[in-house]
Amino acid sequence: MRSSRRLQGSLALWSLIGLVMGVGFTIGVALVHGSGVVVPAVIATLVWWLLIVVVVVGGAALLDTPDGKPLDHYGIPNGLSAIRAWMCLPILFVAVFSLPGKLALILWAGVGGAIGLLDAVDGFLARRIGPVSVLGKAIDPFGDALFFVFTAVGSYLLGMFPLWLLALVVFRYAGPVLLTPLVLLTGRRPELVYTVWGRRNTFATGVVLFTLFWVRVANGPVDIVALAVALPTLVPTAILHFISLAQRVFSAPIEHPVSAA
């Protein structure tokens, strides 16, 4: 990072885009709620933006192609992944603040849905125009975890998710992230990428979100529909995803064993 002007410029560009998008959206939503919350909301957004910047800077160590060639820029795919992370908190304010009528649901679906779709866009761009990087493969599942945890909390606050579904989605996405440091302490280095069942569970989660959104818009029976569409799809795919993760961990070689001391 210190020796590459191009990498510094790439970091500055994406960080500025994330800052403008996050703060601008936060101010707009906060003003609709009431001017008294603008300052604390903007401060929270700036702190969140700074935390993601730290992660992005640290991720520069993984800016290599899969065959080991170093990259001197983040690229569009990694930049879009960072924007998705930066926008998590500003979008959550849609559910936290009181907005008139169905404005909260409209913004949740319109802005939140568009940010969520960046997951598919960054993968498509990485495969078509590049660069495919070790960083991109590593942060994509972590970015999904972050986004869906925030989405689950916001959906619960907006009346789209029952409490059990909130707990299920948070456990499915936050669990592997929280357990990763413990796995690394054992000396095992499993590949930090998607599992097949993880992708299927993510797709099913998107379908459940879309379905329950429209049920909520129509003031329908969210709890009943959630049981009908989420229970038979999210639970088995989540279980199979965790089994795949466990198999990946136990099949990974131990490179740096940690002594008992």
Protein backbone atom coordinates (compact mmCIF):
# COMPACT_ATOMS: atom_id res chain seq x y z
CA MET A 1 0.00 0.00 0.00
CA ARG A 2 2.82 2.42 0.88
CA SER A 3 4.76 1.79 -2.33
CA SER A 4 1.94 1.74 -4.90
CA ARG A 5 0.37 5.04 -5.93
CA ARG A 6 -2.17 3.22 -8.05
CA LEU A 7 -3.30 1.10 -5.11
CA GLN A 8 -3.58 4.21 -2.95
CA GLY A 9 -5.66 5.90 -5.63
CA SER A 10 -7.91 2.85 -5.93
CA LEU A 11 -8.46 2.83 -2.16
CA ALA A 12 -9.21 6.56 -2.14
CA LEU A 13 -11.70 6.26 -5.01
CA TRP A 14 -13.78 3.44 -3.54
CA SER A 15 -13.61 4.89 -0.04
CA LEU A 16 -14.90 8.23 -1.31
CA ILE A 17 -17.75 6.56 -3.20
CA GLY A 18 -18.71 4.59 -0.09
CA LEU A 19 -18.53 7.71 2.07
CA VAL A 20 -20.70 9.82 -0.23
CA MET A 21 -23.30 7.08 -0.71
CA GLY A 22 -23.49 6.16 2.97
CA VAL A 23 -23.58 9.65 4.45
CA GLY A 24 -25.88 10.99 1.75
CA PHE A 25 -28.43 8.21 2.22
CA THR A 26 -28.21 8.46 6.01
CA ILE A 27 -28.88 12.21 5.98
CA GLY A 28 -31.89 11.78 3.71
CA VAL A 29 -33.50 9.06 5.82
CA ALA A 30 -32.70 10.85 9.09
CA LEU A 31 -34.25 14.12 7.89
CA VAL A 32 -37.51 12.36 7.09
CA HIS A 33 -37.58 10.97 10.63
CA GLY A 34 -36.60 14.26 12.25
CA SER A 35 -33.66 16.64 12.23
CA GLY A 36 -32.71 15.70 15.80
CA VAL A 37 -31.27 12.33 14.75
CA VAL A 38 -29.20 13.58 11.80
CA VAL A 39 -25.97 14.25 13.71
CA PRO A 40 -25.84 10.96 15.70
CA ALA A 41 -26.82 8.98 12.59
CA VAL A 42 -24.09 10.61 10.51
CA ILE A 43 -21.51 10.01 13.27
CA ALA A 44 -22.51 6.32 13.43
CA THR A 45 -22.24 6.07 9.65
CA LEU A 46 -18.77 7.66 9.67
CA VAL A 47 -17.55 5.25 12.35
CA TRP A 48 -18.95 2.31 10.37
CA TRP A 49 -17.36 3.63 7.18
CA LEU A 50 -14.00 3.89 8.94
CA LEU A 51 -14.24 0.31 10.23
CA ILE A 52 -14.83 -1.00 6.72
CA VAL A 53 -11.94 1.13 5.42
CA VAL A 54 -9.65 -0.58 7.94
CA VAL A 55 -10.81 -3.98 6.68
CA VAL A 56 -10.32 -2.94 3.06
CA VAL A 57 -6.80 -1.66 3.77
CA GLY A 58 -5.93 -4.89 5.57
CA GLY A 59 -7.34 -6.83 2.63
CA ALA A 60 -4.67 -5.37 0.35
CA ALA A 61 -2.42 -8.19 1.55
CA LEU A 62 -4.71 -10.59 -0.35
CA LEU A 63 -4.67 -8.64 -3.60
CA ASP A 64 -3.21 -11.48 -5.64
CA THR A 65 -4.62 -13.46 -8.53
CA PRO A 66 -5.36 -17.14 -7.81
CA ASP A 67 -2.05 -18.06 -9.48
CA GLY A 68 -0.08 -15.73 -7.17
CA LYS A 69 0.40 -12.59 -9.30
CA PRO A 70 0.11 -9.37 -7.25
CA LEU A 71 -2.48 -6.72 -8.16
CA ASP A 72 -1.95 -2.98 -7.76
CA HIS A 73 -5.65 -2.01 -7.59
CA TYR A 74 -8.82 -3.23 -5.93
CA GLY A 75 -10.87 -3.43 -9.10
CA ILE A 76 -14.58 -3.04 -9.65
CA PRO A 77 -15.66 -6.41 -8.11
CA ASN A 78 -13.89 -5.73 -4.80
CA GLY A 79 -15.05 -2.13 -4.84
CA LEU A 80 -18.68 -3.17 -5.20
CA SER A 81 -18.26 -5.66 -2.35
CA ALA A 82 -16.94 -2.83 -0.18
CA ILE A 83 -19.86 -0.57 -1.12
CA ARG A 84 -22.28 -3.30 -0.07
CA ALA A 85 -20.56 -3.42 3.33
CA TRP A 86 -20.49 0.37 3.70
CA MET A 87 -24.23 0.62 2.98
CA CYS A 88 -25.33 -1.95 5.57
CA LEU A 89 -25.74 0.53 8.42
CA PRO A 90 -27.30 3.37 6.39
CA ILE A 91 -29.91 0.97 5.01
CA LEU A 92 -30.65 -0.35 8.50
CA PHE A 93 -31.66 3.19 9.47
CA VAL A 94 -34.66 2.73 7.15
CA ALA A 95 -35.99 0.14 9.58
CA VAL A 96 -34.83 1.89 12.76
CA PHE A 97 -36.29 5.35 12.07
CA SER A 98 -40.00 6.03 11.78
CA LEU A 99 -40.93 6.94 8.20
CA PRO A 100 -44.39 7.88 6.92
CA GLY A 101 -46.70 5.37 5.27
CA LYS A 102 -44.98 2.58 3.41
CA LEU A 103 -41.89 4.66 2.62
CA ALA A 104 -39.72 2.41 4.78
CA LEU A 105 -40.80 -0.69 2.85
CA ILE A 106 -40.30 1.08 -0.47
CA LEU A 107 -36.76 2.16 0.44
CA TRP A 108 -36.02 -1.24 1.96
CA ALA A 109 -36.96 -3.01 -1.27
CA GLY A 110 -35.66 -0.41 -3.71
CA VAL A 111 -32.35 0.67 -2.21
CA GLY A 112 -31.70 -2.39 -0.05
CA GLY A 113 -32.59 -4.76 -2.86
CA ALA A 114 -30.31 -2.94 -5.30
CA ILE A 115 -27.40 -3.05 -2.85
CA GLY A 116 -28.04 -6.75 -2.23
CA LEU A 117 -27.91 -7.47 -5.96
CA LEU A 118 -24.34 -6.14 -6.04
CA ASP A 119 -23.37 -9.61 -4.81
CA ALA A 120 -24.37 -11.07 -8.17
CA VAL A 121 -22.95 -8.13 -10.11
CA ASP A 122 -19.47 -8.23 -8.55
CA GLY A 123 -19.15 -11.96 -9.20
CA PHE A 124 -20.27 -11.53 -12.81
CA LEU A 125 -17.81 -8.67 -13.39
CA ALA A 126 -14.97 -10.59 -11.74
CA ARG A 127 -15.48 -13.50 -14.12
CA ARG A 128 -16.01 -11.37 -17.23
CA ILE A 129 -13.61 -8.43 -16.89
CA GLY A 130 -11.66 -9.20 -13.72
CA PRO A 131 -9.69 -9.04 -11.70
CA VAL A 132 -10.36 -12.32 -9.93
CA SER A 133 -8.44 -12.04 -6.66
CA VAL A 134 -7.81 -13.98 -3.48
CA LEU A 135 -9.29 -11.00 -1.64
CA GLY A 136 -12.50 -11.21 -3.64
CA LYS A 137 -12.95 -14.91 -2.95
CA ALA A 138 -12.33 -14.34 0.75
CA ILE A 139 -14.51 -11.27 1.36
CA ASP A 140 -17.49 -12.34 -0.74
CA PRO A 141 -18.89 -14.84 1.80
CA PHE A 142 -18.02 -12.48 4.66
CA GLY A 143 -19.78 -9.66 2.81
CA ASP A 144 -22.84 -11.86 2.43
CA ALA A 145 -22.75 -12.62 6.15
CA LEU A 146 -22.61 -8.94 7.03
CA PHE A 147 -25.35 -7.93 4.60
CA PHE A 148 -27.79 -10.70 5.52
CA VAL A 149 -27.34 -10.18 9.27
CA PHE A 150 -28.22 -6.50 8.87
CA THR A 151 -31.04 -7.45 6.49
CA ALA A 152 -32.49 -9.95 8.95
CA VAL A 153 -32.47 -7.40 11.77
CA GLY A 154 -34.08 -4.75 9.59
CA SER A 155 -36.68 -7.17 8.24
CA TYR A 156 -37.63 -8.10 11.80
CA LEU A 157 -37.98 -4.42 12.77
CA LEU A 158 -40.18 -3.83 9.70
CA GLY A 159 -42.45 -6.76 10.57
CA MET A 160 -41.28 -8.91 7.65
CA PHE A 161 -39.53 -11.57 9.75
CA PRO A 162 -40.78 -13.42 12.83
CA LEU A 163 -38.26 -13.70 15.66
CA TRP A 164 -37.36 -17.33 14.91
CA LEU A 165 -36.50 -16.48 11.30
CA LEU A 166 -34.31 -13.59 12.45
CA ALA A 167 -32.42 -15.98 14.75
CA LEU A 168 -32.07 -18.59 11.98
CA VAL A 169 -30.64 -16.17 9.41
CA VAL A 170 -28.28 -14.53 11.90
CA PHE A 171 -26.99 -17.92 13.08
CA ARG A 172 -26.55 -19.18 9.52
CA TYR A 173 -24.46 -16.17 8.42
CA ALA A 174 -22.76 -14.98 11.60
CA GLY A 175 -21.91 -18.45 12.93
CA PRO A 176 -19.21 -19.37 10.39
CA VAL A 177 -17.65 -15.89 10.59
CA LEU A 178 -17.40 -16.01 14.39
CA LEU A 179 -15.98 -19.53 14.31
CA THR A 180 -13.34 -18.77 11.65
CA PRO A 181 -10.73 -17.39 14.13
CA LEU A 182 -11.13 -20.53 16.26
CA VAL A 183 -10.59 -22.73 13.21
CA LEU A 184 -7.46 -20.78 12.25
CA LEU A 185 -6.09 -21.18 15.78
CA THR A 186 -6.11 -24.94 15.28
CA GLY A 187 -3.63 -24.47 12.46
CA ARG A 188 -6.05 -25.55 9.75
CA ARG A 189 -6.36 -23.36 6.68
CA PRO A 190 -9.60 -24.29 4.88
CA GLU A 191 -10.46 -22.39 1.74
CA LEU A 192 -12.58 -19.35 2.66
CA VAL A 193 -15.04 -19.54 -0.22
CA TYR A 194 -18.66 -20.48 -0.78
CA THR A 195 -20.02 -23.98 -0.42
CA VAL A 196 -22.56 -25.25 -2.93
CA TRP A 197 -25.21 -25.49 -0.23
CA GLY A 198 -24.25 -22.05 1.01
CA ARG A 199 -25.05 -20.59 -2.39
CA ARG A 200 -28.35 -22.45 -2.49
CA ASN A 201 -29.22 -21.22 0.98
CA THR A 202 -28.38 -17.64 -0.01
CA PHE A 203 -30.62 -17.92 -3.06
CA ALA A 204 -33.42 -19.36 -0.93
CA THR A 205 -32.96 -16.54 1.59
CA GLY A 206 -33.42 -14.02 -1.21
CA VAL A 207 -36.62 -15.76 -2.33
CA VAL A 208 -37.94 -15.76 1.24
CA LEU A 209 -37.13 -12.06 1.61
CA PHE A 210 -38.91 -11.23 -1.64
CA THR A 211 -41.97 -13.29 -0.69
CA LEU A 212 -42.31 -11.92 2.83
CA PHE A 213 -41.84 -8.37 1.60
CA TRP A 214 -44.94 -8.60 -0.56
CA VAL A 215 -46.87 -10.36 2.21
CA ARG A 216 -45.95 -7.47 4.51
CA VAL A 217 -46.95 -4.88 1.89
CA ALA A 218 -50.36 -6.58 1.61
CA ASN A 219 -50.63 -6.77 5.43
CA GLY A 220 -50.87 -10.55 5.11
CA PRO A 221 -50.08 -13.30 7.63
CA VAL A 222 -46.28 -13.00 7.75
CA ASP A 223 -45.82 -15.63 10.47
CA ILE A 224 -47.81 -18.29 8.62
CA VAL A 225 -46.19 -17.62 5.25
CA ALA A 226 -42.74 -17.63 6.87
CA LEU A 227 -43.38 -21.10 8.25
CA ALA A 228 -44.57 -22.27 4.84
CA VAL A 229 -41.72 -20.88 2.70
CA ALA A 230 -38.73 -20.49 5.05
CA LEU A 231 -38.89 -23.58 7.24
CA PRO A 232 -38.69 -26.20 4.44
CA THR A 233 -36.07 -24.28 2.41
CA LEU A 234 -33.73 -22.42 4.76
CA VAL A 235 -33.40 -25.01 7.52
CA PRO A 236 -32.27 -28.02 5.42
CA THR A 237 -29.98 -25.95 3.17
CA ALA A 238 -28.41 -24.30 6.24
CA ILE A 239 -27.78 -27.70 7.85
CA LEU A 240 -26.19 -29.05 4.67
CA HIS A 241 -24.09 -25.88 4.40
CA PHE A 242 -22.72 -26.36 7.92
CA ILE A 243 -21.98 -30.01 7.18
CA SER A 244 -20.04 -28.94 4.07
CA LEU A 245 -18.09 -26.38 6.12
CA ALA A 246 -17.23 -29.00 8.75
CA GLN A 247 -16.01 -31.42 6.08
CA ARG A 248 -13.88 -28.68 4.55
CA VAL A 249 -12.34 -27.79 7.92
CA PHE A 250 -11.49 -31.35 8.93
CA SER A 251 -10.06 -32.19 5.52
CA ALA A 252 -7.76 -29.14 5.55
CA PRO A 253 -4.12 -29.87 6.49
CA ILE A 254 -2.69 -28.49 9.73
CA GLU A 255 -0.01 -26.02 8.70
CA HIS A 256 0.82 -24.26 11.96
CA PRO A 257 -0.24 -26.36 14.94
CA VAL A 258 -0.76 -24.40 18.16
CA SER A 259 0.80 -25.82 21.30
CA ALA A 260 -1.31 -26.47 24.38
CA ALA A 261 0.52 -23.69 26.18
